Amino acid sequence: MEAPQYVAARVQQQLAEDDRTHELGIRVDVRGDQLFLRGQVSGEEHRRKIGVVAQEAAPAMTVHNEINVVEVTEPGEAEHLD
């Protein structure tokens, strides 16, 4: 069995390099045959794609996608500093 830190590094590299994700801000934790994805992204579709890419990178692992989706809102009125 591959060492957990190697599995985590491989998944993180794949998330960064895959055209579907280009994601650098996701924490990957491995415990036994369980892989946990944690962090925040700006959309449900992106969250789902990260889970798919992680599963492809570590097919023998059970992937737990614990990534939070945060709503990105348009900025309000410009702040004026006097």
PDB file of N, CA and C in Angstrom:
ATOM      1  N   MET A   1       0.845  -1.198   0.000  1.00  0.00           N
ATOM      2  CA  MET A   1       0.000   0.000   0.000  1.00  0.00           C
ATOM      3  C   MET A   1       0.884   1.253   0.000  1.00  0.00           C
ATOM      4  N   GLU A   2       0.488   2.211  -0.788  1.00  0.00           N
ATOM      5  CA  GLU A   2       1.235   3.456  -0.926  1.00  0.00           C
ATOM      6  C   GLU A   2       1.116   4.293   0.346  1.00  0.00           C
ATOM      7  N   ALA A   3       2.202   4.974   0.721  1.00  0.00           N
ATOM      8  CA  ALA A   3       2.201   5.808   1.925  1.00  0.00           C
ATOM      9  C   ALA A   3       1.186   6.944   1.773  1.00  0.00           C
ATOM     10  N   PRO A   4       0.468   7.265   2.857  1.00  0.00           N
ATOM     11  CA  PRO A   4      -0.589   8.296   2.781  1.00  0.00           C
ATOM     12  C   PRO A   4      -0.117   9.628   2.211  1.00  0.00           C
ATOM     13  N   GLN A   5       1.094  10.051   2.598  1.00  0.00           N
ATOM     14  CA  GLN A   5       1.557  11.353   2.116  1.00  0.00           C
ATOM     15  C   GLN A   5       1.785  11.346   0.604  1.00  0.00           C
ATOM     16  N   TYR A   6       2.137  10.185   0.030  1.00  0.00           N
ATOM     17  CA  TYR A   6       2.309  10.091  -1.424  1.00  0.00           C
ATOM     18  C   TYR A   6       0.963  10.138  -2.135  1.00  0.00           C
ATOM     19  N   VAL A   7      -0.028   9.490  -1.554  1.00  0.00           N
ATOM     20  CA  VAL A   7      -1.378   9.533  -2.137  1.00  0.00           C
ATOM     21  C   VAL A   7      -1.889  10.968  -2.116  1.00  0.00           C
ATOM     22  N   ALA A   8      -1.764  11.639  -0.969  1.00  0.00           N
ATOM     23  CA  ALA A   8      -2.233  13.019  -0.835  1.00  0.00           C
ATOM     24  C   ALA A   8      -1.514  13.933  -1.828  1.00  0.00           C
ATOM     25  N   ALA A   9      -0.207  13.773  -1.958  1.00  0.00           N
ATOM     26  CA  ALA A   9       0.566  14.615  -2.884  1.00  0.00           C
ATOM     27  C   ALA A   9       0.140  14.370  -4.325  1.00  0.00           C
ATOM     28  N   ARG A  10      -0.100  13.118  -4.681  1.00  0.00           N
ATOM     29  CA  ARG A  10      -0.522  12.796  -6.047  1.00  0.00           C
ATOM     30  C   ARG A  10      -1.885  13.419  -6.349  1.00  0.00           C
ATOM     31  N   VAL A  11      -2.809  13.323  -5.400  1.00  0.00           N
ATOM     32  CA  VAL A  11      -4.142  13.899  -5.601  1.00  0.00           C
ATOM     33  C   VAL A  11      -4.041  15.424  -5.721  1.00  0.00           C
ATOM     34  N   GLN A  12      -3.251  16.059  -4.847  1.00  0.00           N
ATOM     35  CA  GLN A  12      -3.110  17.514  -4.913  1.00  0.00           C
ATOM     36  C   GLN A  12      -2.488  17.948  -6.237  1.00  0.00           C
ATOM     37  N   GLN A  13      -1.500  17.199  -6.707  1.00  0.00           N
ATOM     38  CA  GLN A  13      -0.881  17.526  -7.987  1.00  0.00           C
ATOM     39  C   GLN A  13      -1.898  17.395  -9.121  1.00  0.00           C
ATOM     40  N   GLN A  14      -2.693  16.340  -9.075  1.00  0.00           N
ATOM     41  CA  GLN A  14      -3.703  16.128 -10.119  1.00  0.00           C
ATOM     42  C   GLN A  14      -4.754  17.240 -10.095  1.00  0.00           C
ATOM     43  N   LEU A  15      -5.163  17.668  -8.905  1.00  0.00           N
ATOM     44  CA  LEU A  15      -6.134  18.759  -8.797  1.00  0.00           C
ATOM     45  C   LEU A  15      -5.569  20.055  -9.374  1.00  0.00           C
ATOM     46  N   ALA A  16      -4.271  20.268  -9.198  1.00  0.00           N
ATOM     47  CA  ALA A  16      -3.633  21.483  -9.714  1.00  0.00           C
ATOM     48  C   ALA A  16      -3.471  21.437 -11.233  1.00  0.00           C
ATOM     49  N   GLU A  17      -3.172  20.247 -11.776  1.00  0.00           N
ATOM     50  CA  GLU A  17      -2.824  20.142 -13.190  1.00  0.00           C
ATOM     51  C   GLU A  17      -3.991  19.793 -14.105  1.00  0.00           C
ATOM     52  N   ASP A  18      -5.063  19.220 -13.566  1.00  0.00           N
ATOM     53  CA  ASP A  18      -6.173  18.791 -14.407  1.00  0.00           C
ATOM     54  C   ASP A  18      -6.918  20.004 -14.970  1.00  0.00           C
ATOM     55  N   ASP A  19      -7.226  19.959 -16.266  1.00  0.00           N
ATOM     56  CA  ASP A  19      -7.920  21.066 -16.918  1.00  0.00           C
ATOM     57  C   ASP A  19      -9.305  21.324 -16.347  1.00  0.00           C
ATOM     58  N   ARG A  20      -9.896  20.331 -15.710  1.00  0.00           N
ATOM     59  CA  ARG A  20     -11.238  20.501 -15.150  1.00  0.00           C
ATOM     60  C   ARG A  20     -11.221  21.256 -13.831  1.00  0.00           C
ATOM     61  N   THR A  21     -10.085  21.262 -13.153  1.00  0.00           N
ATOM     62  CA  THR A  21     -10.078  21.824 -11.804  1.00  0.00           C
ATOM     63  C   THR A  21      -9.097  22.988 -11.628  1.00  0.00           C
ATOM     64  N   HIS A  22      -7.833  22.827 -11.977  1.00  0.00           N
ATOM     65  CA  HIS A  22      -6.795  23.850 -11.734  1.00  0.00           C
ATOM     66  C   HIS A  22      -6.908  24.390 -10.318  1.00  0.00           C
ATOM     67  N   GLU A  23      -6.972  23.487  -9.359  1.00  0.00           N
ATOM     68  CA  GLU A  23      -7.258  23.866  -7.975  1.00  0.00           C
ATOM     69  C   GLU A  23      -6.031  23.668  -7.090  1.00  0.00           C
ATOM     70  N   LEU A  24      -5.639  24.745  -6.400  1.00  0.00           N
ATOM     71  CA  LEU A  24      -4.475  24.682  -5.505  1.00  0.00           C
ATOM     72  C   LEU A  24      -4.860  24.754  -4.033  1.00  0.00           C
ATOM     73  N   GLY A  25      -6.083  25.166  -3.737  1.00  0.00           N
ATOM     74  CA  GLY A  25      -6.430  25.465  -2.349  1.00  0.00           C
ATOM     75  C   GLY A  25      -7.169  24.378  -1.598  1.00  0.00           C
ATOM     76  N   ILE A  26      -7.115  23.147  -2.063  1.00  0.00           N
ATOM     77  CA  ILE A  26      -7.840  22.068  -1.396  1.00  0.00           C
ATOM     78  C   ILE A  26      -6.874  21.241  -0.554  1.00  0.00           C
ATOM     79  N   ARG A  27      -7.243  21.007   0.695  1.00  0.00           N
ATOM     80  CA  ARG A  27      -6.430  20.163   1.586  1.00  0.00           C
ATOM     81  C   ARG A  27      -6.858  18.716   1.389  1.00  0.00           C
ATOM     82  N   VAL A  28      -5.880  17.847   1.236  1.00  0.00           N
ATOM     83  CA  VAL A  28      -6.135  16.418   1.043  1.00  0.00           C
ATOM     84  C   VAL A  28      -5.555  15.673   2.242  1.00  0.00           C
ATOM     85  N   ASP A  29      -6.419  14.966   2.962  1.00  0.00           N
ATOM     86  CA  ASP A  29      -5.985  14.165   4.107  1.00  0.00           C
ATOM     87  C   ASP A  29      -6.291  12.699   3.814  1.00  0.00           C
ATOM     88  N   VAL A  30      -5.340  11.822   4.138  1.00  0.00           N
ATOM     89  CA  VAL A  30      -5.524  10.391   3.918  1.00  0.00           C
ATOM     90  C   VAL A  30      -5.445   9.677   5.255  1.00  0.00           C
ATOM     91  N   ARG A  31      -6.463   8.849   5.517  1.00  0.00           N
ATOM     92  CA  ARG A  31      -6.464   7.997   6.716  1.00  0.00           C
ATOM     93  C   ARG A  31      -6.865   6.603   6.272  1.00  0.00           C
ATOM     94  N   GLY A  32      -5.901   5.698   6.250  1.00  0.00           N
ATOM     95  CA  GLY A  32      -6.179   4.341   5.788  1.00  0.00           C
ATOM     96  C   GLY A  32      -6.590   4.374   4.331  1.00  0.00           C
ATOM     97  N   ASP A  33      -7.776   3.829   4.035  1.00  0.00           N
ATOM     98  CA  ASP A  33      -8.252   3.853   2.652  1.00  0.00           C
ATOM     99  C   ASP A  33      -9.275   4.961   2.430  1.00  0.00           C
ATOM    100  N   GLN A  34      -9.281   5.941   3.346  1.00  0.00           N
ATOM    101  CA  GLN A  34     -10.205   7.074   3.259  1.00  0.00           C
ATOM    102  C   GLN A  34      -9.434   8.331   2.848  1.00  0.00           C
ATOM    103  N   LEU A  35      -9.990   9.067   1.888  1.00  0.00           N
ATOM    104  CA  LEU A  35      -9.374  10.304   1.432  1.00  0.00           C
ATOM    105  C   LEU A  35     -10.380  11.431   1.659  1.00  0.00           C
ATOM    106  N   PHE A  36      -9.938  12.472   2.359  1.00  0.00           N
ATOM    107  CA  PHE A  36     -10.814  13.590   2.709  1.00  0.00           C
ATOM    108  C   PHE A  36     -10.371  14.836   1.963  1.00  0.00           C
ATOM    109  N   LEU A  37     -11.319  15.489   1.311  1.00  0.00           N
ATOM    110  CA  LEU A  37     -11.069  16.749   0.614  1.00  0.00           C
ATOM    111  C   LEU A  37     -11.700  17.863   1.430  1.00  0.00           C
ATOM    112  N   ARG A  38     -10.891  18.883   1.761  1.00  0.00           N
ATOM    113  CA  ARG A  38     -11.406  19.989   2.573  1.00  0.00           C
ATOM    114  C   ARG A  38     -10.937  21.307   1.983  1.00  0.00           C
ATOM    115  N   GLY A  39     -11.794  22.297   2.108  1.00  0.00           N
ATOM    116  CA  GLY A  39     -11.470  23.624   1.600  1.00  0.00           C
ATOM    117  C   GLY A  39     -12.739  24.329   1.182  1.00  0.00           C
ATOM    118  N   GLN A  40     -12.570  25.391   0.395  1.00  0.00           N
ATOM    119  CA  GLN A  40     -13.720  26.158  -0.071  1.00  0.00           C
ATOM    120  C   GLN A  40     -13.579  26.438  -1.556  1.00  0.00           C
ATOM    121  N   VAL A  41     -14.695  26.351  -2.257  1.00  0.00           N
ATOM    122  CA  VAL A  41     -14.742  26.706  -3.674  1.00  0.00           C
ATOM    123  C   VAL A  41     -15.984  27.558  -3.910  1.00  0.00           C
ATOM    124  N   SER A  42     -16.064  28.153  -5.097  1.00  0.00           N
ATOM    125  CA  SER A  42     -17.133  29.120  -5.358  1.00  0.00           C
ATOM    126  C   SER A  42     -18.323  28.543  -6.121  1.00  0.00           C
ATOM    127  N   GLY A  43     -18.369  27.223  -6.298  1.00  0.00           N
ATOM    128  CA  GLY A  43     -19.526  26.676  -6.989  1.00  0.00           C
ATOM    129  C   GLY A  43     -19.664  25.180  -6.805  1.00  0.00           C
ATOM    130  N   GLU A  44     -20.905  24.703  -6.823  1.00  0.00           N
ATOM    131  CA  GLU A  44     -21.189  23.278  -6.633  1.00  0.00           C
ATOM    132  C   GLU A  44     -20.591  22.429  -7.751  1.00  0.00           C
ATOM    133  N   GLU A  45     -20.636  22.926  -8.981  1.00  0.00           N
ATOM    134  CA  GLU A  45     -20.085  22.172 -10.111  1.00  0.00           C
ATOM    135  C   GLU A  45     -18.577  21.984  -9.947  1.00  0.00           C
ATOM    136  N   HIS A  46     -17.879  23.022  -9.508  1.00  0.00           N
ATOM    137  CA  HIS A  46     -16.434  22.925  -9.284  1.00  0.00           C
ATOM    138  C   HIS A  46     -16.139  21.926  -8.162  1.00  0.00           C
ATOM    139  N   ARG A  47     -16.948  21.977  -7.118  1.00  0.00           N
ATOM    140  CA  ARG A  47     -16.803  21.035  -5.995  1.00  0.00           C
ATOM    141  C   ARG A  47     -16.936  19.601  -6.501  1.00  0.00           C
ATOM    142  N   ARG A  48     -17.932  19.365  -7.350  1.00  0.00           N
ATOM    143  CA  ARG A  48     -18.166  18.026  -7.883  1.00  0.00           C
ATOM    144  C   ARG A  48     -16.986  17.559  -8.746  1.00  0.00           C
ATOM    145  N   LYS A  49     -16.479  18.453  -9.586  1.00  0.00           N
ATOM    146  CA  LYS A  49     -15.350  18.099 -10.464  1.00  0.00           C
ATOM    147  C   LYS A  49     -14.109  17.745  -9.646  1.00  0.00           C
ATOM    148  N   ILE A  50     -13.879  18.454  -8.561  1.00  0.00           N
ATOM    149  CA  ILE A  50     -12.735  18.152  -7.693  1.00  0.00           C
ATOM    150  C   ILE A  50     -12.868  16.738  -7.141  1.00  0.00           C
ATOM    151  N   GLY A  51     -14.086  16.359  -6.728  1.00  0.00           N
ATOM    152  CA  GLY A  51     -14.312  15.006  -6.234  1.00  0.00           C
ATOM    153  C   GLY A  51     -14.039  13.953  -7.299  1.00  0.00           C
ATOM    154  N   VAL A  52     -14.455  14.223  -8.538  1.00  0.00           N
ATOM    155  CA  VAL A  52     -14.239  13.288  -9.645  1.00  0.00           C
ATOM    156  C   VAL A  52     -12.743  13.126  -9.925  1.00  0.00           C
ATOM    157  N   VAL A  53     -12.028  14.229 -10.001  1.00  0.00           N
ATOM    158  CA  VAL A  53     -10.591  14.182 -10.284  1.00  0.00           C
ATOM    159  C   VAL A  53      -9.846  13.456  -9.163  1.00  0.00           C
ATOM    160  N   ALA A  54     -10.223  13.724  -7.919  1.00  0.00           N
ATOM    161  CA  ALA A  54      -9.584  13.056  -6.781  1.00  0.00           C
ATOM    162  C   ALA A  54      -9.823  11.546  -6.844  1.00  0.00           C
ATOM    163  N   GLN A  55     -11.041  11.141  -7.190  1.00  0.00           N
ATOM    164  CA  GLN A  55     -11.355   9.709  -7.276  1.00  0.00           C
ATOM    165  C   GLN A  55     -10.555   9.050  -8.387  1.00  0.00           C
ATOM    166  N   GLU A  56     -10.385   9.746  -9.505  1.00  0.00           N
ATOM    167  CA  GLU A  56      -9.579   9.216 -10.609  1.00  0.00           C
ATOM    168  C   GLU A  56      -8.106   9.084 -10.215  1.00  0.00           C
ATOM    169  N   ALA A  57      -7.617  10.033  -9.417  1.00  0.00           N
ATOM    170  CA  ALA A  57      -6.213  10.022  -9.009  1.00  0.00           C
ATOM    171  C   ALA A  57      -5.935   8.954  -7.957  1.00  0.00           C
ATOM    172  N   ALA A  58      -6.953   8.565  -7.199  1.00  0.00           N
ATOM    173  CA  ALA A  58      -6.804   7.561  -6.139  1.00  0.00           C
ATOM    174  C   ALA A  58      -7.984   6.598  -6.202  1.00  0.00           C
ATOM    175  N   PRO A  59      -8.055   5.773  -7.253  1.00  0.00           N
ATOM    176  CA  PRO A  59      -9.247   4.941  -7.460  1.00  0.00           C
ATOM    177  C   PRO A  59      -9.507   3.907  -6.369  1.00  0.00           C
ATOM    178  N   ALA A  60      -8.484   3.528  -5.607  1.00  0.00           N
ATOM    179  CA  ALA A  60      -8.674   2.523  -4.566  1.00  0.00           C
ATOM    180  C   ALA A  60      -9.185   3.127  -3.262  1.00  0.00           C
ATOM    181  N   MET A  61      -9.263   4.455  -3.206  1.00  0.00           N
ATOM    182  CA  MET A  61      -9.649   5.147  -1.977  1.00  0.00           C
ATOM    183  C   MET A  61     -11.143   5.470  -1.979  1.00  0.00           C
ATOM    184  N   THR A  62     -11.697   5.591  -0.776  1.00  0.00           N
ATOM    185  CA  THR A  62     -13.046   6.125  -0.617  1.00  0.00           C
ATOM    186  C   THR A  62     -12.903   7.622  -0.410  1.00  0.00           C
ATOM    187  N   VAL A  63     -13.455   8.413  -1.319  1.00  0.00           N
ATOM    188  CA  VAL A  63     -13.291   9.869  -1.275  1.00  0.00           C
ATOM    189  C   VAL A  63     -14.463  10.504  -0.524  1.00  0.00           C
ATOM    190  N   HIS A  64     -14.123  11.324   0.462  1.00  0.00           N
ATOM    191  CA  HIS A  64     -15.117  12.093   1.220  1.00  0.00           C
ATOM    192  C   HIS A  64     -14.939  13.559   0.834  1.00  0.00           C
ATOM    193  N   ASN A  65     -15.872  14.078   0.055  1.00  0.00           N
ATOM    194  CA  ASN A  65     -15.787  15.457  -0.413  1.00  0.00           C
ATOM    195  C   ASN A  65     -16.436  16.368   0.627  1.00  0.00           C
ATOM    196  N   GLU A  66     -15.606  16.954   1.482  1.00  0.00           N
ATOM    197  CA  GLU A  66     -16.080  17.834   2.547  1.00  0.00           C
ATOM    198  C   GLU A  66     -15.842  19.302   2.205  1.00  0.00           C
ATOM    199  N   ILE A  67     -15.702  19.592   0.920  1.00  0.00           N
ATOM    200  CA  ILE A  67     -15.452  20.954   0.463  1.00  0.00           C
ATOM    201  C   ILE A  67     -16.718  21.780   0.619  1.00  0.00           C
ATOM    202  N   ASN A  68     -16.561  22.985   1.131  1.00  0.00           N
ATOM    203  CA  ASN A  68     -17.683  23.911   1.288  1.00  0.00           C
ATOM    204  C   ASN A  68     -17.803  24.792   0.057  1.00  0.00           C
ATOM    205  N   VAL A  69     -19.029  25.042  -0.347  1.00  0.00           N
ATOM    206  CA  VAL A  69     -19.291  25.974  -1.436  1.00  0.00           C
ATOM    207  C   VAL A  69     -19.655  27.315  -0.819  1.00  0.00           C
ATOM    208  N   VAL A  70     -18.911  28.341  -1.185  1.00  0.00           N
ATOM    209  CA  VAL A  70     -19.201  29.684  -0.687  1.00  0.00           C
ATOM    210  C   VAL A  70     -19.762  30.514  -1.826  1.00  0.00           C
ATOM    211  N   GLU A  71     -20.774  31.277  -1.521  1.00  0.00           N
ATOM    212  CA  GLU A  71     -21.383  32.126  -2.539  1.00  0.00           C
ATOM    213  C   GLU A  71     -20.486  33.335  -2.783  1.00  0.00           C
ATOM    214  N   VAL A  72     -20.194  33.559  -4.031  1.00  0.00           N
ATOM    215  CA  VAL A  72     -19.423  34.743  -4.405  1.00  0.00           C
ATOM    216  C   VAL A  72     -20.426  35.768  -4.911  1.00  0.00           C
ATOM    217  N   THR A  73     -20.513  36.873  -4.197  1.00  0.00           N
ATOM    218  CA  THR A  73     -21.481  37.902  -4.582  1.00  0.00           C
ATOM    219  C   THR A  73     -20.753  39.055  -5.252  1.00  0.00           C
ATOM    220  N   GLU A  74     -21.501  39.796  -6.017  1.00  0.00           N
ATOM    221  CA  GLU A  74     -20.929  40.977  -6.653  1.00  0.00           C
ATOM    222  C   GLU A  74     -20.577  41.989  -5.570  1.00  0.00           C
ATOM    223  N   PRO A  75     -19.457  42.687  -5.753  1.00  0.00           N
ATOM    224  CA  PRO A  75     -19.125  43.702  -4.748  1.00  0.00           C
ATOM    225  C   PRO A  75     -20.185  44.804  -4.749  1.00  0.00           C
ATOM    226  N   GLY A  76     -20.429  45.322  -3.560  1.00  0.00           N
ATOM    227  CA  GLY A  76     -21.425  46.388  -3.432  1.00  0.00           C
ATOM    228  C   GLY A  76     -20.861  47.711  -3.892  1.00  0.00           C
ATOM    229  N   GLU A  77     -21.392  48.768  -3.338  1.00  0.00           N
ATOM    230  CA  GLU A  77     -20.930  50.100  -3.694  1.00  0.00           C
ATOM    231  C   GLU A  77     -19.464  50.266  -3.319  1.00  0.00           C
ATOM    232  N   ALA A  78     -18.728  50.974  -4.137  1.00  0.00           N
ATOM    233  CA  ALA A  78     -17.295  51.163  -3.883  1.00  0.00           C
ATOM    234  C   ALA A  78     -17.098  51.903  -2.563  1.00  0.00           C
ATOM    235  N   GLU A  79     -16.081  51.469  -1.845  1.00  0.00           N
ATOM    236  CA  GLU A  79     -15.764  52.130  -0.569  1.00  0.00           C
ATOM    237  C   GLU A  79     -14.922  53.356  -0.858  1.00  0.00           C
ATOM    238  N   HIS A  80     -15.298  54.473  -0.285  1.00  0.00           N
ATOM    239  CA  HIS A  80     -14.549  55.719  -0.510  1.00  0.00           C
ATOM    240  C   HIS A  80     -13.709  56.020   0.721  1.00  0.00           C
ATOM    241  N   LEU A  81     -12.404  56.135   0.495  1.00  0.00           N
ATOM    242  CA  LEU A  81     -11.498  56.465   1.586  1.00  0.00           C
ATOM    243  C   LEU A  81     -11.093  57.908   1.443  1.00  0.00           C
ATOM    244  N   ASP A  82     -11.383  58.702   2.481  1.00  0.00           N
ATOM    245  CA  ASP A  82     -11.031  60.132   2.416  1.00  0.00           C
ATOM    246  C   ASP A  82      -9.773  60.402   3.181  1.00  0.00           C
TER     247      ASP A  82
END
